[in-house]
Each structure stands twice: as C-alpha cells, then as structure tokens.
Amino acid sequence: MEYSLVFPATVEISDDSVVASGEIEIRHADTGLAPFTAFLGSITVRDQIVLQYHIQADRILPQAN
C-alpha cells in the first residue's frame, strides 16, 4: 500500500540555516489503518493522528587547513 501526503510548511531561511516546520492532521482510515485497541477493545484511540515536525538544516563551513 502506498499513501502520499502533502505537508504544509512554514519555511524560514537565513544566511546559515533553513528551517521547515508545520503540522498535519490525518485519520487512520485515510491511510487504511485501523485505530489501535487494547484489552479486547475496551481501550481505543481516536481516529485522528496529528503529525508535528521541525526540520533544520545548518550550513557547514569548510574547515581551513
């Protein structure tokens, strides 16, 4: 099974780094997964999944020899 998502992002660019962050909400049913249960179904989780992310890339300057 393949599932594709488009992640909305806020991107901040500076001289030394790039930062992307955001949040997306999906449902188990959207991905074909069943919500998790325990104790024969007496404990369940919501169908909604919230993914939050923060990705940072920093510039690495070459070292002088």
PDB file of N, CA and C in Angstrom:
ATOM      1  N   MET A   1       0.840  -1.175   0.000  1.00  0.00           N
ATOM      2  CA  MET A   1       0.000   0.000   0.000  1.00  0.00           C
ATOM      3  C   MET A   1       0.886   1.240   0.000  1.00  0.00           C
ATOM      4  N   GLU A   2       0.528   2.218  -0.769  1.00  0.00           N
ATOM      5  CA  GLU A   2       1.254   3.479  -0.813  1.00  0.00           C
ATOM      6  C   GLU A   2       0.301   4.599  -0.472  1.00  0.00           C
ATOM      7  N   TYR A   3       0.793   5.532   0.306  1.00  0.00           N
ATOM      8  CA  TYR A   3      -0.031   6.657   0.732  1.00  0.00           C
ATOM      9  C   TYR A   3       0.806   7.924   0.624  1.00  0.00           C
ATOM     10  N   SER A   4       0.323   8.928  -0.052  1.00  0.00           N
ATOM     11  CA  SER A   4       1.055  10.180  -0.231  1.00  0.00           C
ATOM     12  C   SER A   4       0.397  11.299   0.559  1.00  0.00           C
ATOM     13  N   LEU A   5       1.228  12.167   1.109  1.00  0.00           N
ATOM     14  CA  LEU A   5       0.764  13.334   1.853  1.00  0.00           C
ATOM     15  C   LEU A   5       1.450  14.578   1.326  1.00  0.00           C
ATOM     16  N   VAL A   6       0.764  15.683   1.388  1.00  0.00           N
ATOM     17  CA  VAL A   6       1.372  16.983   1.136  1.00  0.00           C
ATOM     18  C   VAL A   6       1.439  17.672   2.485  1.00  0.00           C
ATOM     19  N   PHE A   7       2.649  18.006   2.920  1.00  0.00           N
ATOM     20  CA  PHE A   7       2.834  18.625   4.217  1.00  0.00           C
ATOM     21  C   PHE A   7       2.887  20.141   4.078  1.00  0.00           C
ATOM     22  N   PRO A   8       1.953  20.853   4.700  1.00  0.00           N
ATOM     23  CA  PRO A   8       2.056  22.307   4.716  1.00  0.00           C
ATOM     24  C   PRO A   8       3.246  22.689   5.591  1.00  0.00           C
ATOM     25  N   ALA A   9       3.973  23.726   5.213  1.00  0.00           N
ATOM     26  CA  ALA A   9       5.164  24.083   5.975  1.00  0.00           C
ATOM     27  C   ALA A   9       5.342  25.585   6.044  1.00  0.00           C
ATOM     28  N   THR A  10       5.905  26.008   7.145  1.00  0.00           N
ATOM     29  CA  THR A  10       6.419  27.359   7.282  1.00  0.00           C
ATOM     30  C   THR A  10       7.925  27.228   7.133  1.00  0.00           C
ATOM     31  N   VAL A  11       8.500  27.971   6.208  1.00  0.00           N
ATOM     32  CA  VAL A  11       9.933  27.858   5.940  1.00  0.00           C
ATOM     33  C   VAL A  11      10.610  29.178   6.276  1.00  0.00           C
ATOM     34  N   GLU A  12      11.664  29.081   7.093  1.00  0.00           N
ATOM     35  CA  GLU A  12      12.455  30.249   7.468  1.00  0.00           C
ATOM     36  C   GLU A  12      13.858  30.056   6.909  1.00  0.00           C
ATOM     37  N   ILE A  13      14.326  31.039   6.152  1.00  0.00           N
ATOM     38  CA  ILE A  13      15.641  30.949   5.531  1.00  0.00           C
ATOM     39  C   ILE A  13      16.518  32.081   6.064  1.00  0.00           C
ATOM     40  N   SER A  14      17.705  31.713   6.538  1.00  0.00           N
ATOM     41  CA  SER A  14      18.674  32.714   6.970  1.00  0.00           C
ATOM     42  C   SER A  14      19.992  32.435   6.258  1.00  0.00           C
ATOM     43  N   ASP A  15      21.001  33.228   6.551  1.00  0.00           N
ATOM     44  CA  ASP A  15      22.306  33.022   5.918  1.00  0.00           C
ATOM     45  C   ASP A  15      22.914  31.670   6.277  1.00  0.00           C
ATOM     46  N   ASP A  16      22.613  31.164   7.471  1.00  0.00           N
ATOM     47  CA  ASP A  16      23.268  29.949   7.954  1.00  0.00           C
ATOM     48  C   ASP A  16      22.368  28.731   8.081  1.00  0.00           C
ATOM     49  N   SER A  17      21.047  28.893   7.860  1.00  0.00           N
ATOM     50  CA  SER A  17      20.174  27.737   8.053  1.00  0.00           C
ATOM     51  C   SER A  17      18.855  27.876   7.302  1.00  0.00           C
ATOM     52  N   VAL A  18      18.199  26.742   7.187  1.00  0.00           N
ATOM     53  CA  VAL A  18      16.835  26.675   6.653  1.00  0.00           C
ATOM     54  C   VAL A  18      16.035  25.837   7.643  1.00  0.00           C
ATOM     55  N   VAL A  19      14.874  26.340   8.044  1.00  0.00           N
ATOM     56  CA  VAL A  19      14.024  25.633   8.995  1.00  0.00           C
ATOM     57  C   VAL A  19      12.633  25.485   8.389  1.00  0.00           C
ATOM     58  N   ALA A  20      12.137  24.262   8.369  1.00  0.00           N
ATOM     59  CA  ALA A  20      10.771  23.992   7.923  1.00  0.00           C
ATOM     60  C   ALA A  20      10.023  23.372   9.096  1.00  0.00           C
ATOM     61  N   SER A  21       8.828  23.876   9.378  1.00  0.00           N
ATOM     62  CA  SER A  21       8.032  23.302  10.466  1.00  0.00           C
ATOM     63  C   SER A  21       6.561  23.375  10.097  1.00  0.00           C
ATOM     64  N   GLY A  22       5.797  22.507  10.736  1.00  0.00           N
ATOM     65  CA  GLY A  22       4.374  22.514  10.467  1.00  0.00           C
ATOM     66  C   GLY A  22       3.652  21.388  11.173  1.00  0.00           C
ATOM     67  N   GLU A  23       2.413  21.214  10.794  1.00  0.00           N
ATOM     68  CA  GLU A  23       1.542  20.221  11.419  1.00  0.00           C
ATOM     69  C   GLU A  23       0.531  19.765  10.379  1.00  0.00           C
ATOM     70  N   ILE A  24       0.210  18.494  10.412  1.00  0.00           N
ATOM     71  CA  ILE A  24      -0.816  17.956   9.526  1.00  0.00           C
ATOM     72  C   ILE A  24      -1.654  16.965  10.329  1.00  0.00           C
ATOM     73  N   GLU A  25      -2.941  16.954  10.075  1.00  0.00           N
ATOM     74  CA  GLU A  25      -3.851  16.013  10.734  1.00  0.00           C
ATOM     75  C   GLU A  25      -4.370  15.029   9.693  1.00  0.00           C
ATOM     76  N   ILE A  26      -4.262  13.746  10.013  1.00  0.00           N
ATOM     77  CA  ILE A  26      -4.805  12.701   9.144  1.00  0.00           C
ATOM     78  C   ILE A  26      -5.599  11.731  10.016  1.00  0.00           C
ATOM     79  N   ARG A  27      -6.342  10.880   9.383  1.00  0.00           N
ATOM     80  CA  ARG A  27      -7.111   9.869  10.112  1.00  0.00           C
ATOM     81  C   ARG A  27      -6.544   8.492   9.793  1.00  0.00           C
ATOM     82  N   HIS A  28      -6.626   7.578  10.750  1.00  0.00           N
ATOM     83  CA  HIS A  28      -6.206   6.197  10.496  1.00  0.00           C
ATOM     84  C   HIS A  28      -6.889   5.673   9.238  1.00  0.00           C
ATOM     85  N   ALA A  29      -8.172   5.955   9.106  1.00  0.00           N
ATOM     86  CA  ALA A  29      -8.951   5.446   7.980  1.00  0.00           C
ATOM     87  C   ALA A  29      -8.411   5.966   6.643  1.00  0.00           C
ATOM     88  N   ASP A  30      -7.853   7.189   6.636  1.00  0.00           N
ATOM     89  CA  ASP A  30      -7.284   7.744   5.403  1.00  0.00           C
ATOM     90  C   ASP A  30      -6.111   6.906   4.897  1.00  0.00           C
ATOM     91  N   THR A  31      -5.404   6.277   5.810  1.00  0.00           N
ATOM     92  CA  THR A  31      -4.209   5.510   5.457  1.00  0.00           C
ATOM     93  C   THR A  31      -4.500   4.013   5.320  1.00  0.00           C
ATOM     94  N   GLY A  32      -5.737   3.619   5.594  1.00  0.00           N
ATOM     95  CA  GLY A  32      -6.075   2.201   5.531  1.00  0.00           C
ATOM     96  C   GLY A  32      -5.758   1.451   6.813  1.00  0.00           C
ATOM     97  N   LEU A  33      -5.364   2.164   7.859  1.00  0.00           N
ATOM     98  CA  LEU A  33      -5.044   1.545   9.144  1.00  0.00           C
ATOM     99  C   LEU A  33      -6.261   1.574  10.063  1.00  0.00           C
ATOM    100  N   ALA A  34      -6.337   0.597  10.932  1.00  0.00           N
ATOM    101  CA  ALA A  34      -7.391   0.593  11.949  1.00  0.00           C
ATOM    102  C   ALA A  34      -6.835   1.256  13.207  1.00  0.00           C
ATOM    103  N   PRO A  35      -7.625   2.074  13.888  1.00  0.00           N
ATOM    104  CA  PRO A  35      -7.157   2.651  15.153  1.00  0.00           C
ATOM    105  C   PRO A  35      -6.757   1.549  16.134  1.00  0.00           C
ATOM    106  N   PHE A  36      -5.729   1.821  16.936  1.00  0.00           N
ATOM    107  CA  PHE A  36      -5.222   0.838  17.874  1.00  0.00           C
ATOM    108  C   PHE A  36      -6.215   0.585  19.001  1.00  0.00           C
ATOM    109  N   THR A  37      -6.253  -0.648  19.471  1.00  0.00           N
ATOM    110  CA  THR A  37      -7.092  -1.010  20.616  1.00  0.00           C
ATOM    111  C   THR A  37      -6.282  -1.886  21.555  1.00  0.00           C
ATOM    112  N   ALA A  38      -6.762  -2.015  22.779  1.00  0.00           N
ATOM    113  CA  ALA A  38      -6.135  -2.894  23.769  1.00  0.00           C
ATOM    114  C   ALA A  38      -7.224  -3.465  24.659  1.00  0.00           C
ATOM    115  N   PHE A  39      -6.903  -4.520  25.361  1.00  0.00           N
ATOM    116  CA  PHE A  39      -7.832  -5.169  26.289  1.00  0.00           C
ATOM    117  C   PHE A  39      -9.159  -5.494  25.614  1.00  0.00           C
ATOM    118  N   LEU A  40      -9.061  -6.189  24.487  1.00  0.00           N
ATOM    119  CA  LEU A  40     -10.224  -6.655  23.729  1.00  0.00           C
ATOM    120  C   LEU A  40     -11.138  -5.507  23.303  1.00  0.00           C
ATOM    121  N   GLY A  41     -10.546  -4.370  23.003  1.00  0.00           N
ATOM    122  CA  GLY A  41     -11.316  -3.232  22.512  1.00  0.00           C
ATOM    123  C   GLY A  41     -11.830  -2.288  23.581  1.00  0.00           C
ATOM    124  N   SER A  42     -11.539  -2.586  24.861  1.00  0.00           N
ATOM    125  CA  SER A  42     -12.042  -1.701  25.922  1.00  0.00           C
ATOM    126  C   SER A  42     -11.260  -0.387  25.971  1.00  0.00           C
ATOM    127  N   ILE A  43     -10.048  -0.367  25.413  1.00  0.00           N
ATOM    128  CA  ILE A  43      -9.270   0.862  25.302  1.00  0.00           C
ATOM    129  C   ILE A  43      -9.006   1.108  23.823  1.00  0.00           C
ATOM    130  N   THR A  44      -9.397   2.289  23.360  1.00  0.00           N
ATOM    131  CA  THR A  44      -9.193   2.637  21.955  1.00  0.00           C
ATOM    132  C   THR A  44      -8.558   4.019  21.859  1.00  0.00           C
ATOM    133  N   VAL A  45      -8.052   4.338  20.694  1.00  0.00           N
ATOM    134  CA  VAL A  45      -7.510   5.672  20.454  1.00  0.00           C
ATOM    135  C   VAL A  45      -8.377   6.365  19.412  1.00  0.00           C
ATOM    136  N   ARG A  46      -8.247   7.669  19.349  1.00  0.00           N
ATOM    137  CA  ARG A  46      -9.011   8.422  18.353  1.00  0.00           C
ATOM    138  C   ARG A  46      -8.542   8.054  16.954  1.00  0.00           C
ATOM    139  N   ASP A  47      -9.379   8.270  15.989  1.00  0.00           N
ATOM    140  CA  ASP A  47      -9.049   8.002  14.591  1.00  0.00           C
ATOM    141  C   ASP A  47      -8.060   9.040  14.069  1.00  0.00           C
ATOM    142  N   GLN A  48      -8.021  10.194  14.700  1.00  0.00           N
ATOM    143  CA  GLN A  48      -7.191  11.304  14.236  1.00  0.00           C
ATOM    144  C   GLN A  48      -5.733  11.140  14.668  1.00  0.00           C
ATOM    145  N   ILE A  49      -4.811  11.441  13.745  1.00  0.00           N
ATOM    146  CA  ILE A  49      -3.379  11.447  14.027  1.00  0.00           C
ATOM    147  C   ILE A  49      -2.881  12.854  13.720  1.00  0.00           C
ATOM    148  N   VAL A  50      -2.141  13.445  14.645  1.00  0.00           N
ATOM    149  CA  VAL A  50      -1.567  14.765  14.432  1.00  0.00           C
ATOM    150  C   VAL A  50      -0.053  14.603  14.321  1.00  0.00           C
ATOM    151  N   LEU A  51       0.498  14.977  13.175  1.00  0.00           N
ATOM    152  CA  LEU A  51       1.940  14.924  12.955  1.00  0.00           C
ATOM    153  C   LEU A  51       2.491  16.342  12.998  1.00  0.00           C
ATOM    154  N   GLN A  52       3.417  16.583  13.917  1.00  0.00           N
ATOM    155  CA  GLN A  52       4.083  17.874  14.007  1.00  0.00           C
ATOM    156  C   GLN A  52       5.550  17.655  13.665  1.00  0.00           C
ATOM    157  N   TYR A  53       6.132  18.582  12.932  1.00  0.00           N
ATOM    158  CA  TYR A  53       7.527  18.402  12.567  1.00  0.00           C
ATOM    159  C   TYR A  53       8.277  19.723  12.584  1.00  0.00           C
ATOM    160  N   HIS A  54       9.593  19.596  12.767  1.00  0.00           N
ATOM    161  CA  HIS A  54      10.521  20.724  12.770  1.00  0.00           C
ATOM    162  C   HIS A  54      11.816  20.183  12.178  1.00  0.00           C
ATOM    163  N   ILE A  55      12.185  20.653  11.002  1.00  0.00           N
ATOM    164  CA  ILE A  55      13.371  20.173  10.312  1.00  0.00           C
ATOM    165  C   ILE A  55      14.305  21.362  10.125  1.00  0.00           C
ATOM    166  N   GLN A  56      15.561  21.185  10.540  1.00  0.00           N
ATOM    167  CA  GLN A  56      16.518  22.277  10.431  1.00  0.00           C
ATOM    168  C   GLN A  56      17.763  21.798   9.697  1.00  0.00           C
ATOM    169  N   ALA A  57      18.194  22.573   8.732  1.00  0.00           N
ATOM    170  CA  ALA A  57      19.438  22.311   8.002  1.00  0.00           C
ATOM    171  C   ALA A  57      20.364  23.496   8.232  1.00  0.00           C
ATOM    172  N   ASP A  58      21.550  23.210   8.777  1.00  0.00           N
ATOM    173  CA  ASP A  58      22.521  24.261   9.053  1.00  0.00           C
ATOM    174  C   ASP A  58      23.670  24.195   8.057  1.00  0.00           C
ATOM    175  N   ARG A  59      24.156  25.344   7.677  1.00  0.00           N
ATOM    176  CA  ARG A  59      25.313  25.414   6.785  1.00  0.00           C
ATOM    177  C   ARG A  59      26.560  24.980   7.551  1.00  0.00           C
ATOM    178  N   ILE A  60      27.327  24.127   6.927  1.00  0.00           N
ATOM    179  CA  ILE A  60      28.605  23.701   7.491  1.00  0.00           C
ATOM    180  C   ILE A  60      29.695  24.319   6.629  1.00  0.00           C
ATOM    181  N   LEU A  61      30.465  25.171   7.239  1.00  0.00           N
ATOM    182  CA  LEU A  61      31.519  25.854   6.512  1.00  0.00           C
ATOM    183  C   LEU A  61      32.750  24.951   6.401  1.00  0.00           C
ATOM    184  N   PRO A  62      33.450  24.991   5.264  1.00  0.00           N
ATOM    185  CA  PRO A  62      34.655  24.173   5.126  1.00  0.00           C
ATOM    186  C   PRO A  62      35.703  24.594   6.138  1.00  0.00           C
ATOM    187  N   GLN A  63      36.433  23.640   6.625  1.00  0.00           N
ATOM    188  CA  GLN A  63      37.484  23.920   7.600  1.00  0.00           C
ATOM    189  C   GLN A  63      38.731  24.398   6.875  1.00  0.00           C
ATOM    190  N   ALA A  64      39.353  25.405   7.432  1.00  0.00           N
ATOM    191  CA  ALA A  64      40.612  25.900   6.868  1.00  0.00           C
ATOM    192  C   ALA A  64      41.736  24.929   7.229  1.00  0.00           C
ATOM    193  N   ASN A  65      42.610  24.668   6.282  1.00  0.00           N
ATOM    194  CA  ASN A  65      43.731  23.730   6.560  1.00  0.00           C
ATOM    195  C   ASN A  65      44.903  24.441   7.113  1.00  0.00           C
TER     196      ASN A  65
END
